[in-house]
Amino acid sequence: MQLRMVVCLHFSRKRDKYEEFLKSVTVLSSLDHYQRAKLADAIKEDKFKKDEFVIKQGENGDVFYIISEGEAVATKSVDGGAPVEVMKYKVADYFGELALLKNEPRAANILAKSDVLKVVSLDRNSFQRLLGPLDEILKRNMAAYQDYC
């Protein structure tokens, strides 16, 4: 019984911590309380050090990321050239959705730029199971990337 209470308390704290944060993510702001709670339960937390890759261009992409602390940049190599910075990310910004929407390899690199970058992530299957078709939510802001793809 003791272990069960500890596990429940852990999940309750995690849910409380991330439910409010998820409201600040533009693309997720329209979710209701129940959807945010389920999403908060399902997300994973990861940390990256400065200049560490979160995503590498060309990799398969099945994970959606949201920055919970720190900053990151997107870089892109064209025709084997040196990577060029194409976008900056801060808290509550998200990335990784293009590979999910297009079912193609990652279009850019994402690197941590702050000493510590904390992200929360959700894999494609969990996102679709919890929130329905992924494309409807993510396509809202896809136009912002047209200049970089």
Protein backbone atom coordinates (compact mmCIF):
# COMPACT_ATOMS: atom_id res chain seq x y z
CA MET A 1 0.00 0.00 0.00
CA GLN A 2 2.87 2.38 0.82
CA LEU A 3 4.47 2.05 -2.63
CA ARG A 4 1.15 2.72 -4.34
CA MET A 5 0.75 5.98 -2.40
CA VAL A 6 4.28 7.08 -3.33
CA VAL A 7 3.63 6.36 -7.02
CA CYS A 8 0.29 8.19 -6.94
CA LEU A 9 1.88 11.18 -5.22
CA HIS A 10 4.66 11.29 -7.83
CA PHE A 11 2.20 11.30 -10.73
CA SER A 12 -0.02 13.85 -9.01
CA ARG A 13 2.92 16.24 -8.56
CA LYS A 14 4.05 15.71 -12.14
CA ARG A 15 0.53 16.38 -13.44
CA ASP A 16 0.20 19.56 -11.39
CA LYS A 17 3.62 20.77 -12.51
CA TYR A 18 2.97 20.31 -16.22
CA GLU A 19 -0.74 21.03 -16.51
CA GLU A 20 -0.26 24.76 -15.98
CA PHE A 21 2.84 24.80 -18.19
CA LEU A 22 0.96 23.12 -21.07
CA LYS A 23 -1.56 25.98 -21.06
CA SER A 24 1.29 28.32 -22.05
CA VAL A 25 2.12 26.31 -25.18
CA THR A 26 0.27 28.10 -27.96
CA VAL A 27 -0.66 25.05 -30.00
CA LEU A 28 -2.00 23.26 -26.90
CA SER A 29 -3.81 26.20 -25.27
CA SER A 30 -7.20 25.12 -26.63
CA LEU A 31 -7.09 21.75 -24.85
CA ASP A 32 -9.53 21.23 -22.02
CA HIS A 33 -8.51 20.35 -18.46
CA TYR A 34 -8.98 16.60 -19.00
CA GLN A 35 -6.80 16.58 -22.16
CA ARG A 36 -4.06 18.60 -20.45
CA ALA A 37 -4.10 16.26 -17.44
CA LYS A 38 -3.75 13.19 -19.67
CA LEU A 39 -0.98 14.86 -21.65
CA ALA A 40 0.83 15.86 -18.45
CA ASP A 41 0.72 12.23 -17.31
CA ALA A 42 2.13 10.92 -20.59
CA ILE A 43 5.00 13.32 -21.30
CA LYS A 44 8.60 12.41 -20.64
CA GLU A 45 11.21 14.79 -19.27
CA ASP A 46 14.70 15.05 -20.75
CA LYS A 47 17.74 17.26 -20.14
CA PHE A 48 20.45 18.27 -22.58
CA LYS A 49 23.74 20.10 -22.05
CA LYS A 50 24.87 23.10 -24.06
CA ASP A 51 25.60 22.23 -27.73
CA GLU A 52 24.14 18.73 -27.32
CA PHE A 53 21.85 17.53 -30.12
CA VAL A 54 18.20 16.94 -29.29
CA ILE A 55 17.44 16.12 -32.94
CA LYS A 56 19.78 15.44 -35.85
CA GLN A 57 18.85 16.32 -39.41
CA GLY A 58 18.00 13.20 -41.42
CA GLU A 59 16.99 11.02 -38.45
CA ASN A 60 13.57 9.40 -38.28
CA GLY A 61 11.16 11.55 -36.32
CA ASP A 62 8.47 10.16 -34.06
CA VAL A 63 8.73 12.53 -31.11
CA PHE A 64 7.26 15.96 -30.44
CA TYR A 65 9.21 18.23 -28.04
CA ILE A 66 8.32 21.27 -25.93
CA ILE A 67 10.96 23.37 -24.15
CA SER A 68 10.26 23.65 -20.42
CA GLU A 69 13.52 25.40 -19.50
CA GLY A 70 16.37 26.96 -21.49
CA GLU A 71 16.93 27.75 -25.14
CA ALA A 72 17.70 25.85 -28.32
CA VAL A 73 18.45 26.59 -31.97
CA ALA A 74 17.60 24.86 -35.21
CA THR A 75 20.36 24.49 -37.79
CA LYS A 76 20.05 23.13 -41.28
CA SER A 77 22.61 21.84 -43.77
CA VAL A 78 21.84 22.18 -47.46
CA ASP A 79 23.64 19.98 -50.00
CA GLY A 80 26.22 18.89 -47.43
CA GLY A 81 27.25 22.44 -46.55
CA ALA A 82 27.95 23.77 -43.08
CA PRO A 83 24.87 23.99 -40.84
CA VAL A 84 23.21 27.41 -40.75
CA GLU A 85 21.04 28.63 -37.88
CA VAL A 86 17.43 28.97 -39.07
CA MET A 87 15.39 29.31 -35.89
CA LYS A 88 15.60 29.98 -32.14
CA TYR A 89 13.47 28.36 -29.46
CA LYS A 90 12.62 29.41 -25.90
CA VAL A 91 10.38 28.14 -23.09
CA ALA A 92 6.96 26.92 -24.33
CA ASP A 93 8.17 26.66 -27.94
CA TYR A 94 7.84 23.28 -29.60
CA PHE A 95 9.62 21.40 -32.37
CA GLY A 96 9.80 18.02 -34.02
CA GLU A 97 6.30 18.15 -35.47
CA LEU A 98 7.30 18.47 -39.14
CA ALA A 99 8.68 14.92 -39.26
CA LEU A 100 5.46 13.72 -37.65
CA LEU A 101 3.22 15.64 -40.05
CA LYS A 102 5.09 14.74 -43.21
CA ASN A 103 6.25 11.28 -42.12
CA GLU A 104 9.71 12.23 -43.38
CA PRO A 105 13.17 12.37 -41.76
CA ARG A 106 14.03 15.31 -39.51
CA ALA A 107 14.41 18.49 -41.57
CA ALA A 108 16.90 20.20 -39.21
CA ASN A 109 19.17 19.79 -36.21
CA ILE A 110 18.05 21.06 -32.82
CA LEU A 111 20.85 21.92 -30.40
CA ALA A 112 20.75 23.06 -26.77
CA LYS A 113 22.04 26.63 -26.45
CA SER A 114 21.64 27.22 -22.72
CA ASP A 115 23.79 25.44 -20.13
CA VAL A 116 20.80 23.19 -19.42
CA LEU A 117 17.92 22.57 -21.79
CA LYS A 118 14.91 20.78 -20.36
CA VAL A 119 12.28 19.44 -22.70
CA VAL A 120 9.15 17.41 -22.35
CA SER A 121 8.34 15.01 -25.14
CA LEU A 122 5.58 12.85 -26.42
CA ASP A 123 5.87 10.11 -28.99
CA ARG A 124 3.56 9.98 -32.02
CA ASN A 125 1.44 7.07 -30.78
CA SER A 126 0.79 8.63 -27.37
CA PHE A 127 -0.06 11.99 -28.90
CA GLN A 128 -2.55 10.46 -31.33
CA ARG A 129 -4.07 8.26 -28.63
CA LEU A 130 -4.52 11.17 -26.23
CA LEU A 131 -5.36 14.02 -28.58
CA GLY A 132 -6.74 12.47 -31.72
CA PRO A 133 -5.19 13.12 -35.12
CA LEU A 134 -1.87 14.85 -34.62
CA ASP A 135 -2.05 16.74 -37.90
CA GLU A 136 -5.08 18.82 -36.93
CA ILE A 137 -3.32 20.29 -33.91
CA LEU A 138 0.12 20.76 -35.44
CA LYS A 139 -0.80 21.97 -38.91
CA ARG A 140 -2.02 25.22 -37.37
CA ASN A 141 1.52 26.57 -37.19
CA MET A 142 3.23 24.62 -39.96
CA ALA A 143 3.28 27.68 -42.25
CA ALA A 144 5.90 29.26 -39.98
CA TYR A 145 8.44 26.78 -41.31
CA GLN A 146 7.82 27.27 -45.02
CA ASP A 147 10.85 29.56 -45.39
CA TYR A 148 13.18 26.92 -43.92
CA CYS A 149 12.05 23.68 -45.55
